[in-house]
Amino acid sequence: EDLCARLKRSRSDTTINEVGILTAGSAVVTLPFMCILVSYGHMGATILRRPSLKGMCKALSTCGSHLCVVSVYYGAVIALYIVPSSNSTNDKDIAVSVLYTLVIPMLNPFICS
């Protein structure tokens, strides 16, 4: 069961727990996302130094699709686990969960082919 959902049902003050979850979640999500963006920046700089226009376009299209899926993946994770949610956001949580568990895995075959 999700820890945030369990905290919502608690009858005591959960502020310190929510701050801990936000801090740990931010570190766990932000650090890998920043590393991915830096590596794509290095790849982009390398691609732009290539003399072949055809090779450059192919590499940019592949990297662009990967970066798009990574952004959607991390955006869904951030929206689901880091952004504080109120009691009225169940529809948002369901939509983000479907995006995270169904849409992103279905995009992988399109990117790899």
PDB file of N, CA and C in Angstrom:
ATOM      1  N   GLU A   1       0.849  -1.182   0.000  1.00  0.00           N
ATOM      2  CA  GLU A   1       0.000   0.000   0.000  1.00  0.00           C
ATOM      3  C   GLU A   1       0.887   1.235   0.000  1.00  0.00           C
ATOM      4  N   ASP A   2       0.421   2.297  -0.627  1.00  0.00           N
ATOM      5  CA  ASP A   2       1.151   3.537  -0.731  1.00  0.00           C
ATOM      6  C   ASP A   2       1.224   4.219   0.631  1.00  0.00           C
ATOM      7  N   LEU A   3       2.398   4.714   0.980  1.00  0.00           N
ATOM      8  CA  LEU A   3       2.592   5.336   2.283  1.00  0.00           C
ATOM      9  C   LEU A   3       1.789   6.625   2.416  1.00  0.00           C
ATOM     10  N   CYS A   4       1.684   7.402   1.338  1.00  0.00           N
ATOM     11  CA  CYS A   4       0.918   8.653   1.396  1.00  0.00           C
ATOM     12  C   CYS A   4      -0.558   8.374   1.658  1.00  0.00           C
ATOM     13  N   ALA A   5      -1.101   7.332   1.059  1.00  0.00           N
ATOM     14  CA  ALA A   5      -2.499   6.978   1.292  1.00  0.00           C
ATOM     15  C   ALA A   5      -2.697   6.549   2.744  1.00  0.00           C
ATOM     16  N   ARG A   6      -1.734   5.866   3.293  1.00  0.00           N
ATOM     17  CA  ARG A   6      -1.825   5.450   4.691  1.00  0.00           C
ATOM     18  C   ARG A   6      -1.760   6.659   5.621  1.00  0.00           C
ATOM     19  N   LEU A   7      -0.930   7.630   5.283  1.00  0.00           N
ATOM     20  CA  LEU A   7      -0.836   8.831   6.110  1.00  0.00           C
ATOM     21  C   LEU A   7      -2.129   9.643   6.078  1.00  0.00           C
ATOM     22  N   LYS A   8      -2.832   9.640   4.932  1.00  0.00           N
ATOM     23  CA  LYS A   8      -4.096  10.366   4.836  1.00  0.00           C
ATOM     24  C   LYS A   8      -5.125   9.816   5.806  1.00  0.00           C
ATOM     25  N   ARG A   9      -5.078   8.510   6.054  1.00  0.00           N
ATOM     26  CA  ARG A   9      -6.057   7.887   6.942  1.00  0.00           C
ATOM     27  C   ARG A   9      -5.685   8.007   8.411  1.00  0.00           C
ATOM     28  N   SER A  10      -4.495   8.488   8.680  1.00  0.00           N
ATOM     29  CA  SER A  10      -4.036   8.592  10.060  1.00  0.00           C
ATOM     30  C   SER A  10      -4.803   9.693  10.790  1.00  0.00           C
ATOM     31  N   ARG A  11      -5.027   9.485  12.064  1.00  0.00           N
ATOM     32  CA  ARG A  11      -5.751  10.464  12.879  1.00  0.00           C
ATOM     33  C   ARG A  11      -4.805  11.406  13.614  1.00  0.00           C
ATOM     34  N   SER A  12      -3.516  11.190  13.517  1.00  0.00           N
ATOM     35  CA  SER A  12      -2.555  12.044  14.206  1.00  0.00           C
ATOM     36  C   SER A  12      -1.931  13.024  13.215  1.00  0.00           C
ATOM     37  N   ASP A  13      -1.098  13.906  13.746  1.00  0.00           N
ATOM     38  CA  ASP A  13      -0.413  14.883  12.907  1.00  0.00           C
ATOM     39  C   ASP A  13       0.700  14.189  12.128  1.00  0.00           C
ATOM     40  N   THR A  14       0.634  14.249  10.817  1.00  0.00           N
ATOM     41  CA  THR A  14       1.607  13.552   9.958  1.00  0.00           C
ATOM     42  C   THR A  14       2.514  14.518   9.216  1.00  0.00           C
ATOM     43  N   THR A  15       2.605  15.755   9.672  1.00  0.00           N
ATOM     44  CA  THR A  15       3.382  16.767   8.959  1.00  0.00           C
ATOM     45  C   THR A  15       4.844  16.366   8.842  1.00  0.00           C
ATOM     46  N   ILE A  16       5.443  15.900   9.916  1.00  0.00           N
ATOM     47  CA  ILE A  16       6.859  15.535   9.883  1.00  0.00           C
ATOM     48  C   ILE A  16       7.093  14.355   8.941  1.00  0.00           C
ATOM     49  N   ASN A  17       6.146  13.423   8.901  1.00  0.00           N
ATOM     50  CA  ASN A  17       6.269  12.284   7.980  1.00  0.00           C
ATOM     51  C   ASN A  17       6.136  12.737   6.530  1.00  0.00           C
ATOM     52  N   GLU A  18       5.226  13.655   6.263  1.00  0.00           N
ATOM     53  CA  GLU A  18       5.051  14.160   4.900  1.00  0.00           C
ATOM     54  C   GLU A  18       6.293  14.914   4.432  1.00  0.00           C
ATOM     55  N   VAL A  19       6.911  15.682   5.322  1.00  0.00           N
ATOM     56  CA  VAL A  19       8.140  16.397   4.973  1.00  0.00           C
ATOM     57  C   VAL A  19       9.259  15.401   4.686  1.00  0.00           C
ATOM     58  N   GLY A  20       9.338  14.347   5.479  1.00  0.00           N
ATOM     59  CA  GLY A  20      10.356  13.312   5.240  1.00  0.00           C
ATOM     60  C   GLY A  20      10.159  12.614   3.910  1.00  0.00           C
ATOM     61  N   ILE A  21       8.911  12.292   3.595  1.00  0.00           N
ATOM     62  CA  ILE A  21       8.610  11.649   2.311  1.00  0.00           C
ATOM     63  C   ILE A  21       8.952  12.584   1.157  1.00  0.00           C
ATOM     64  N   LEU A  22       8.597  13.854   1.294  1.00  0.00           N
ATOM     65  CA  LEU A  22       8.883  14.834   0.242  1.00  0.00           C
ATOM     66  C   LEU A  22      10.391  14.988   0.035  1.00  0.00           C
ATOM     67  N   THR A  23      11.141  15.054   1.133  1.00  0.00           N
ATOM     68  CA  THR A  23      12.588  15.224   1.037  1.00  0.00           C
ATOM     69  C   THR A  23      13.253  13.997   0.410  1.00  0.00           C
ATOM     70  N   ALA A  24      12.915  12.830   0.908  1.00  0.00           N
ATOM     71  CA  ALA A  24      13.515  11.604   0.363  1.00  0.00           C
ATOM     72  C   ALA A  24      13.083  11.379  -1.084  1.00  0.00           C
ATOM     73  N   GLY A  25      11.807  11.591  -1.358  1.00  0.00           N
ATOM     74  CA  GLY A  25      11.311  11.412  -2.720  1.00  0.00           C
ATOM     75  C   GLY A  25      11.954  12.377  -3.699  1.00  0.00           C
ATOM     76  N   SER A  26      12.144  13.611  -3.265  1.00  0.00           N
ATOM     77  CA  SER A  26      12.781  14.594  -4.142  1.00  0.00           C
ATOM     78  C   SER A  26      14.208  14.191  -4.473  1.00  0.00           C
ATOM     79  N   ALA A  27      14.929  13.714  -3.480  1.00  0.00           N
ATOM     80  CA  ALA A  27      16.312  13.311  -3.720  1.00  0.00           C
ATOM     81  C   ALA A  27      16.382  12.083  -4.623  1.00  0.00           C
ATOM     82  N   VAL A  28      15.496  11.119  -4.383  1.00  0.00           N
ATOM     83  CA  VAL A  28      15.522   9.871  -5.153  1.00  0.00           C
ATOM     84  C   VAL A  28      15.117  10.107  -6.601  1.00  0.00           C
ATOM     85  N   VAL A  29      14.230  11.048  -6.852  1.00  0.00           N
ATOM     86  CA  VAL A  29      13.764  11.303  -8.215  1.00  0.00           C
ATOM     87  C   VAL A  29      14.638  12.332  -8.926  1.00  0.00           C
ATOM     88  N   THR A  30      15.038  13.384  -8.231  1.00  0.00           N
ATOM     89  CA  THR A  30      15.742  14.486  -8.874  1.00  0.00           C
ATOM     90  C   THR A  30      17.159  14.108  -9.291  1.00  0.00           C
ATOM     91  N   LEU A  31      17.882  13.411  -8.454  1.00  0.00           N
ATOM     92  CA  LEU A  31      19.270  13.072  -8.776  1.00  0.00           C
ATOM     93  C   LEU A  31      19.397  12.223 -10.044  1.00  0.00           C
ATOM     94  N   PRO A  32      18.654  11.114 -10.181  1.00  0.00           N
ATOM     95  CA  PRO A  32      18.775  10.357 -11.443  1.00  0.00           C
ATOM     96  C   PRO A  32      18.296  11.149 -12.660  1.00  0.00           C
ATOM     97  N   PHE A  33      17.235  11.956 -12.486  1.00  0.00           N
ATOM     98  CA  PHE A  33      16.724  12.751 -13.607  1.00  0.00           C
ATOM     99  C   PHE A  33      17.772  13.760 -14.069  1.00  0.00           C
ATOM    100  N   MET A  34      18.457  14.379 -13.138  1.00  0.00           N
ATOM    101  CA  MET A  34      19.499  15.337 -13.513  1.00  0.00           C
ATOM    102  C   MET A  34      20.677  14.630 -14.197  1.00  0.00           C
ATOM    103  N   CYS A  35      21.038  13.450 -13.714  1.00  0.00           N
ATOM    104  CA  CYS A  35      22.107  12.686 -14.363  1.00  0.00           C
ATOM    105  C   CYS A  35      21.728  12.313 -15.795  1.00  0.00           C
ATOM    106  N   ILE A  36      20.482  11.935 -16.000  1.00  0.00           N
ATOM    107  CA  ILE A  36      20.005  11.605 -17.344  1.00  0.00           C
ATOM    108  C   ILE A  36      20.054  12.831 -18.244  1.00  0.00           C
ATOM    109  N   LEU A  37      19.617  13.973 -17.741  1.00  0.00           N
ATOM    110  CA  LEU A  37      19.645  15.190 -18.550  1.00  0.00           C
ATOM    111  C   LEU A  37      21.071  15.606 -18.895  1.00  0.00           C
ATOM    112  N   VAL A  38      21.983  15.463 -17.960  1.00  0.00           N
ATOM    113  CA  VAL A  38      23.388  15.796 -18.238  1.00  0.00           C
ATOM    114  C   VAL A  38      23.955  14.854 -19.295  1.00  0.00           C
ATOM    115  N   SER A  39      23.649  13.567 -19.186  1.00  0.00           N
ATOM    116  CA  SER A  39      24.167  12.629 -20.187  1.00  0.00           C
ATOM    117  C   SER A  39      23.574  12.908 -21.569  1.00  0.00           C
ATOM    118  N   TYR A  40      22.291  13.269 -21.628  1.00  0.00           N
ATOM    119  CA  TYR A  40      21.712  13.631 -22.919  1.00  0.00           C
ATOM    120  C   TYR A  40      22.308  14.927 -23.447  1.00  0.00           C
ATOM    121  N   GLY A  41      22.665  15.827 -22.576  1.00  0.00           N
ATOM    122  CA  GLY A  41      23.351  17.043 -23.013  1.00  0.00           C
ATOM    123  C   GLY A  41      24.696  16.728 -23.643  1.00  0.00           C
ATOM    124  N   HIS A  42      25.450  15.815 -23.026  1.00  0.00           N
ATOM    125  CA  HIS A  42      26.736  15.395 -23.602  1.00  0.00           C
ATOM    126  C   HIS A  42      26.535  14.686 -24.933  1.00  0.00           C
ATOM    127  N   MET A  43      25.528  13.831 -25.007  1.00  0.00           N
ATOM    128  CA  MET A  43      25.254  13.150 -26.286  1.00  0.00           C
ATOM    129  C   MET A  43      24.851  14.158 -27.352  1.00  0.00           C
ATOM    130  N   GLY A  44      24.028  15.126 -26.983  1.00  0.00           N
ATOM    131  CA  GLY A  44      23.612  16.144 -27.941  1.00  0.00           C
ATOM    132  C   GLY A  44      24.785  16.950 -28.456  1.00  0.00           C
ATOM    133  N   ALA A  45      25.704  17.314 -27.573  1.00  0.00           N
ATOM    134  CA  ALA A  45      26.898  18.056 -27.996  1.00  0.00           C
ATOM    135  C   ALA A  45      27.757  17.211 -28.932  1.00  0.00           C
ATOM    136  N   THR A  46      27.865  15.923 -28.653  1.00  0.00           N
ATOM    137  CA  THR A  46      28.635  15.025 -29.519  1.00  0.00           C
ATOM    138  C   THR A  46      27.961  14.878 -30.876  1.00  0.00           C
ATOM    139  N   ILE A  47      26.649  14.756 -30.877  1.00  0.00           N
ATOM    140  CA  ILE A  47      25.910  14.598 -32.134  1.00  0.00           C
ATOM    141  C   ILE A  47      26.051  15.834 -33.005  1.00  0.00           C
ATOM    142  N   LEU A  48      25.993  17.003 -32.385  1.00  0.00           N
ATOM    143  CA  LEU A  48      26.069  18.238 -33.165  1.00  0.00           C
ATOM    144  C   LEU A  48      27.450  18.467 -33.783  1.00  0.00           C
ATOM    145  N   ARG A  49      28.465  17.782 -33.298  1.00  0.00           N
ATOM    146  CA  ARG A  49      29.803  17.899 -33.888  1.00  0.00           C
ATOM    147  C   ARG A  49      30.014  16.972 -35.082  1.00  0.00           C
ATOM    148  N   ARG A  50      29.029  16.112 -35.362  1.00  0.00           N
ATOM    149  CA  ARG A  50      29.153  15.165 -36.482  1.00  0.00           C
ATOM    150  C   ARG A  50      29.024  15.919 -37.805  1.00  0.00           C
ATOM    151  N   PRO A  51      29.827  15.548 -38.786  1.00  0.00           N
ATOM    152  CA  PRO A  51      29.748  16.244 -40.072  1.00  0.00           C
ATOM    153  C   PRO A  51      28.581  15.769 -40.948  1.00  0.00           C
ATOM    154  N   SER A  52      28.096  14.561 -40.745  1.00  0.00           N
ATOM    155  CA  SER A  52      27.056  14.006 -41.592  1.00  0.00           C
ATOM    156  C   SER A  52      25.681  14.492 -41.132  1.00  0.00           C
ATOM    157  N   LEU A  53      24.965  15.154 -42.022  1.00  0.00           N
ATOM    158  CA  LEU A  53      23.638  15.663 -41.676  1.00  0.00           C
ATOM    159  C   LEU A  53      22.642  14.526 -41.489  1.00  0.00           C
ATOM    160  N   LYS A  54      22.751  13.480 -42.318  1.00  0.00           N
ATOM    161  CA  LYS A  54      21.839  12.342 -42.202  1.00  0.00           C
ATOM    162  C   LYS A  54      22.035  11.610 -40.872  1.00  0.00           C
ATOM    163  N   GLY A  55      23.289  11.371 -40.505  1.00  0.00           N
ATOM    164  CA  GLY A  55      23.586  10.715 -39.229  1.00  0.00           C
ATOM    165  C   GLY A  55      23.155  11.565 -38.042  1.00  0.00           C
ATOM    166  N   MET A  56      23.317  12.882 -38.172  1.00  0.00           N
ATOM    167  CA  MET A  56      22.921  13.790 -37.106  1.00  0.00           C
ATOM    168  C   MET A  56      21.401  13.762 -36.913  1.00  0.00           C
ATOM    169  N   CYS A  57      20.654  13.760 -37.996  1.00  0.00           N
ATOM    170  CA  CYS A  57      19.185  13.728 -37.896  1.00  0.00           C
ATOM    171  C   CYS A  57      18.701  12.419 -37.294  1.00  0.00           C
ATOM    172  N   LYS A  58      19.306  11.306 -37.698  1.00  0.00           N
ATOM    173  CA  LYS A  58      18.904  10.009 -37.148  1.00  0.00           C
ATOM    174  C   LYS A  58      19.196   9.938 -35.650  1.00  0.00           C
ATOM    175  N   ALA A  59      20.383  10.385 -35.251  1.00  0.00           N
ATOM    176  CA  ALA A  59      20.752  10.356 -33.832  1.00  0.00           C
ATOM    177  C   ALA A  59      19.858  11.278 -33.010  1.00  0.00           C
ATOM    178  N   LEU A  60      19.556  12.460 -33.528  1.00  0.00           N
ATOM    179  CA  LEU A  60      18.692  13.394 -32.800  1.00  0.00           C
ATOM    180  C   LEU A  60      17.268  12.867 -32.682  1.00  0.00           C
ATOM    181  N   SER A  61      16.774  12.184 -33.707  1.00  0.00           N
ATOM    182  CA  SER A  61      15.415  11.658 -33.617  1.00  0.00           C
ATOM    183  C   SER A  61      15.342  10.527 -32.594  1.00  0.00           C
ATOM    184  N   THR A  62      16.365   9.690 -32.542  1.00  0.00           N
ATOM    185  CA  THR A  62      16.387   8.613 -31.547  1.00  0.00           C
ATOM    186  C   THR A  62      16.518   9.178 -30.139  1.00  0.00           C
ATOM    187  N   CYS A  63      17.436  10.099 -29.945  1.00  0.00           N
ATOM    188  CA  CYS A  63      17.614  10.702 -28.621  1.00  0.00           C
ATOM    189  C   CYS A  63      16.376  11.506 -28.218  1.00  0.00           C
ATOM    190  N   GLY A  64      15.750  12.141 -29.180  1.00  0.00           N
ATOM    191  CA  GLY A  64      14.551  12.923 -28.871  1.00  0.00           C
ATOM    192  C   GLY A  64      13.411  12.061 -28.366  1.00  0.00           C
ATOM    193  N   SER A  65      13.210  10.905 -28.985  1.00  0.00           N
ATOM    194  CA  SER A  65      12.138  10.027 -28.531  1.00  0.00           C
ATOM    195  C   SER A  65      12.450   9.440 -27.162  1.00  0.00           C
ATOM    196  N   HIS A  66      13.708   9.079 -26.933  1.00  0.00           N
ATOM    197  CA  HIS A  66      14.083   8.585 -25.613  1.00  0.00           C
ATOM    198  C   HIS A  66      13.890   9.660 -24.558  1.00  0.00           C
ATOM    199  N   LEU A  67      14.326  10.861 -24.857  1.00  0.00           N
ATOM    200  CA  LEU A  67      14.193  11.961 -23.901  1.00  0.00           C
ATOM    201  C   LEU A  67      12.732  12.285 -23.618  1.00  0.00           C
ATOM    202  N   CYS A  68      11.891  12.155 -24.625  1.00  0.00           N
ATOM    203  CA  CYS A  68      10.454  12.380 -24.439  1.00  0.00           C
ATOM    204  C   CYS A  68       9.867  11.366 -23.466  1.00  0.00           C
ATOM    205  N   VAL A  69      10.192  10.100 -23.641  1.00  0.00           N
ATOM    206  CA  VAL A  69       9.664   9.060 -22.747  1.00  0.00           C
ATOM    207  C   VAL A  69      10.228   9.214 -21.337  1.00  0.00           C
ATOM    208  N   VAL A  70      11.502   9.543 -21.233  1.00  0.00           N
ATOM    209  CA  VAL A  70      12.097   9.759 -19.909  1.00  0.00           C
ATOM    210  C   VAL A  70      11.407  10.930 -19.214  1.00  0.00           C
ATOM    211  N   SER A  71      11.128  11.992 -19.954  1.00  0.00           N
ATOM    212  CA  SER A  71      10.440  13.142 -19.370  1.00  0.00           C
ATOM    213  C   SER A  71       9.025  12.796 -18.930  1.00  0.00           C
ATOM    214  N   VAL A  72       8.308  12.024 -19.739  1.00  0.00           N
ATOM    215  CA  VAL A  72       6.955  11.614 -19.356  1.00  0.00           C
ATOM    216  C   VAL A  72       7.013  10.704 -18.134  1.00  0.00           C
ATOM    217  N   TYR A  73       7.984   9.802 -18.106  1.00  0.00           N
ATOM    218  CA  TYR A  73       8.140   8.876 -16.978  1.00  0.00           C
ATOM    219  C   TYR A  73       8.412   9.646 -15.687  1.00  0.00           C
ATOM    220  N   TYR A  74       9.410  10.519 -15.719  1.00  0.00           N
ATOM    221  CA  TYR A  74       9.742  11.260 -14.508  1.00  0.00           C
ATOM    222  C   TYR A  74       8.664  12.277 -14.159  1.00  0.00           C
ATOM    223  N   GLY A  75       7.993  12.840 -15.151  1.00  0.00           N
ATOM    224  CA  GLY A  75       6.879  13.735 -14.857  1.00  0.00           C
ATOM    225  C   GLY A  75       5.760  13.011 -14.126  1.00  0.00           C
ATOM    226  N   ALA A  76       5.469  11.783 -14.554  1.00  0.00           N
ATOM    227  CA  ALA A  76       4.439  10.997 -13.874  1.00  0.00           C
ATOM    228  C   ALA A  76       4.866  10.627 -12.465  1.00  0.00           C
ATOM    229  N   VAL A  77       6.126  10.258 -12.304  1.00  0.00           N
ATOM    230  CA  VAL A  77       6.618   9.914 -10.968  1.00  0.00           C
ATOM    231  C   VAL A  77       6.562  11.126 -10.049  1.00  0.00           C
ATOM    232  N   ILE A  78       6.975  12.275 -10.545  1.00  0.00           N
ATOM    233  CA  ILE A  78       6.941  13.491  -9.739  1.00  0.00           C
ATOM    234  C   ILE A  78       5.505  13.852  -9.385  1.00  0.00           C
ATOM    235  N   ALA A  79       4.612  13.783 -10.357  1.00  0.00           N
ATOM    236  CA  ALA A  79       3.214  14.123 -10.091  1.00  0.00           C
ATOM    237  C   ALA A  79       2.564  13.155  -9.110  1.00  0.00           C
ATOM    238  N   LEU A  80       2.969  11.912  -9.148  1.00  0.00           N
ATOM    239  CA  LEU A  80       2.337  10.903  -8.299  1.00  0.00           C
ATOM    240  C   LEU A  80       2.901  10.875  -6.891  1.00  0.00           C
ATOM    241  N   TYR A  81       4.205  11.000  -6.753  1.00  0.00           N
ATOM    242  CA  TYR A  81       4.814  10.782  -5.449  1.00  0.00           C
ATOM    243  C   TYR A  81       5.343  12.027  -4.761  1.00  0.00           C
ATOM    244  N   ILE A  82       5.684  13.064  -5.493  1.00  0.00           N
ATOM    245  CA  ILE A  82       6.322  14.211  -4.853  1.00  0.00           C
ATOM    246  C   ILE A  82       5.360  15.376  -4.659  1.00  0.00           C
ATOM    247  N   VAL A  83       4.539  15.666  -5.663  1.00  0.00           N
ATOM    248  CA  VAL A  83       3.603  16.783  -5.529  1.00  0.00           C
ATOM    249  C   VAL A  83       2.594  16.440  -4.446  1.00  0.00           C
ATOM    250  N   PRO A  84       2.458  17.309  -3.449  1.00  0.00           N
ATOM    251  CA  PRO A  84       1.489  17.008  -2.396  1.00  0.00           C
ATOM    252  C   PRO A  84       0.080  16.924  -2.969  1.00  0.00           C
ATOM    253  N   SER A  85      -0.645  15.924  -2.548  1.00  0.00           N
ATOM    254  CA  SER A  85      -1.992  15.746  -3.080  1.00  0.00           C
ATOM    255  C   SER A  85      -3.012  15.989  -1.981  1.00  0.00           C
ATOM    256  N   SER A  86      -4.132  16.541  -2.379  1.00  0.00           N
ATOM    257  CA  SER A  86      -5.218  16.755  -1.432  1.00  0.00           C
ATOM    258  C   SER A  86      -6.207  15.602  -1.567  1.00  0.00           C
ATOM    259  N   ASN A  87      -7.276  15.654  -0.828  1.00  0.00           N
ATOM    260  CA  ASN A  87      -8.267  14.575  -0.856  1.00  0.00           C
ATOM    261  C   ASN A  87      -9.059  14.548  -2.158  1.00  0.00           C
ATOM    262  N   SER A  88      -9.090  15.650  -2.900  1.00  0.00           N
ATOM    263  CA  SER A  88      -9.920  15.732  -4.101  1.00  0.00           C
ATOM    264  C   SER A  88      -9.159  15.378  -5.378  1.00  0.00           C
ATOM    265  N   THR A  89      -7.960  14.831  -5.266  1.00  0.00           N
ATOM    266  CA  THR A  89      -7.172  14.569  -6.463  1.00  0.00           C
ATOM    267  C   THR A  89      -7.118  13.094  -6.833  1.00  0.00           C
ATOM    268  N   ASN A  90      -8.117  12.328  -6.465  1.00  0.00           N
ATOM    269  CA  ASN A  90      -8.107  10.907  -6.804  1.00  0.00           C
ATOM    270  C   ASN A  90      -8.114  10.678  -8.305  1.00  0.00           C
ATOM    271  N   ASP A  91      -8.859  11.511  -9.062  1.00  0.00           N
ATOM    272  CA  ASP A  91      -8.876  11.370 -10.516  1.00  0.00           C
ATOM    273  C   ASP A  91      -7.487  11.621 -11.105  1.00  0.00           C
ATOM    274  N   LYS A  92      -6.797  12.622 -10.571  1.00  0.00           N
ATOM    275  CA  LYS A  92      -5.438  12.914 -11.037  1.00  0.00           C
ATOM    276  C   LYS A  92      -4.508  11.747 -10.726  1.00  0.00           C
ATOM    277  N   ASP A  93      -4.619  11.202  -9.538  1.00  0.00           N
ATOM    278  CA  ASP A  93      -3.768  10.073  -9.152  1.00  0.00           C
ATOM    279  C   ASP A  93      -4.013   8.860 -10.040  1.00  0.00           C
ATOM    280  N   ILE A  94      -5.270   8.610 -10.378  1.00  0.00           N
ATOM    281  CA  ILE A  94      -5.597   7.479 -11.250  1.00  0.00           C
ATOM    282  C   ILE A  94      -5.039   7.711 -12.654  1.00  0.00           C
ATOM    283  N   ALA A  95      -5.202   8.924 -13.176  1.00  0.00           N
ATOM    284  CA  ALA A  95      -4.707   9.227 -14.520  1.00  0.00           C
ATOM    285  C   ALA A  95      -3.184   9.114 -14.581  1.00  0.00           C
ATOM    286  N   VAL A  96      -2.497   9.626 -13.575  1.00  0.00           N
ATOM    287  CA  VAL A  96      -1.038   9.552 -13.564  1.00  0.00           C
ATOM    288  C   VAL A  96      -0.581   8.111 -13.389  1.00  0.00           C
ATOM    289  N   SER A  97      -1.297   7.333 -12.580  1.00  0.00           N
ATOM    290  CA  SER A  97      -0.939   5.922 -12.400  1.00  0.00           C
ATOM    291  C   SER A  97      -1.095   5.138 -13.696  1.00  0.00           C
ATOM    292  N   VAL A  98      -2.152   5.413 -14.441  1.00  0.00           N
ATOM    293  CA  VAL A  98      -2.351   4.743 -15.731  1.00  0.00           C
ATOM    294  C   VAL A  98      -1.244   5.152 -16.706  1.00  0.00           C
ATOM    295  N   LEU A  99      -0.902   6.423 -16.716  1.00  0.00           N
ATOM    296  CA  LEU A  99       0.177   6.899 -17.573  1.00  0.00           C
ATOM    297  C   LEU A  99       1.479   6.203 -17.211  1.00  0.00           C
ATOM    298  N   TYR A 100       1.749   6.094 -15.921  1.00  0.00           N
ATOM    299  CA  TYR A 100       2.995   5.523 -15.415  1.00  0.00           C
ATOM    300  C   TYR A 100       3.094   4.015 -15.658  1.00  0.00           C
ATOM    301  N   THR A 101       1.981   3.307 -15.512  1.00  0.00           N
ATOM    302  CA  THR A 101       2.042   1.845 -15.601  1.00  0.00           C
ATOM    303  C   THR A 101       1.652   1.270 -16.959  1.00  0.00           C
ATOM    304  N   LEU A 102       0.891   1.998 -17.752  1.00  0.00           N
ATOM    305  CA  LEU A 102       0.427   1.465 -19.039  1.00  0.00           C
ATOM    306  C   LEU A 102       1.012   2.176 -20.248  1.00  0.00           C
ATOM    307  N   VAL A 103       0.926   3.483 -20.264  1.00  0.00           N
ATOM    308  CA  VAL A 103       1.306   4.231 -21.470  1.00  0.00           C
ATOM    309  C   VAL A 103       2.806   4.174 -21.713  1.00  0.00           C
ATOM    310  N   ILE A 104       3.584   4.428 -20.686  1.00  0.00           N
ATOM    311  CA  ILE A 104       5.038   4.465 -20.862  1.00  0.00           C
ATOM    312  C   ILE A 104       5.596   3.115 -21.305  1.00  0.00           C
ATOM    313  N   PRO A 105       5.206   1.978 -20.696  1.00  0.00           N
ATOM    314  CA  PRO A 105       5.703   0.703 -21.213  1.00  0.00           C
ATOM    315  C   PRO A 105       5.269   0.408 -22.645  1.00  0.00           C
ATOM    316  N   MET A 106       4.090   0.892 -23.048  1.00  0.00           N
ATOM    317  CA  MET A 106       3.646   0.657 -24.420  1.00  0.00           C
ATOM    318  C   MET A 106       4.426   1.516 -25.419  1.00  0.00           C
ATOM    319  N   LEU A 107       5.060   2.589 -24.970  1.00  0.00           N
ATOM    320  CA  LEU A 107       5.854   3.424 -25.870  1.00  0.00           C
ATOM    321  C   LEU A 107       7.207   2.808 -26.180  1.00  0.00           C
ATOM    322  N   ASN A 108       7.722   1.959 -25.313  1.00  0.00           N
ATOM    323  CA  ASN A 108       9.059   1.371 -25.521  1.00  0.00           C
ATOM    324  C   ASN A 108       9.207   0.621 -26.841  1.00  0.00           C
ATOM    325  N   PRO A 109       8.255  -0.221 -27.278  1.00  0.00           N
ATOM    326  CA  PRO A 109       8.448  -0.877 -28.580  1.00  0.00           C
ATOM    327  C   PRO A 109       8.521   0.098 -29.744  1.00  0.00           C
ATOM    328  N   PHE A 110       7.804   1.209 -29.656  1.00  0.00           N
ATOM    329  CA  PHE A 110       7.858   2.187 -30.736  1.00  0.00           C
ATOM    330  C   PHE A 110       9.214   2.882 -30.786  1.00  0.00           C
ATOM    331  N   ILE A 111       9.815   3.105 -29.653  1.00  0.00           N
ATOM    332  CA  ILE A 111      11.110   3.771 -29.612  1.00  0.00           C
ATOM    333  C   ILE A 111      12.208   2.834 -30.093  1.00  0.00           C
ATOM    334  N   CYS A 112      12.143   1.583 -29.685  1.00  0.00           N
ATOM    335  CA  CYS A 112      13.201   0.627 -30.023  1.00  0.00           C
ATOM    336  C   CYS A 112      13.132   0.143 -31.471  1.00  0.00           C
ATOM    337  N   SER A 113      12.022   0.360 -32.140  1.00  0.00           N
ATOM    338  CA  SER A 113      11.939  -0.101 -33.523  1.00  0.00           C
ATOM    339  C   SER A 113      12.228   1.009 -34.513  1.00  0.00           C
TER     340      SER A 113
END
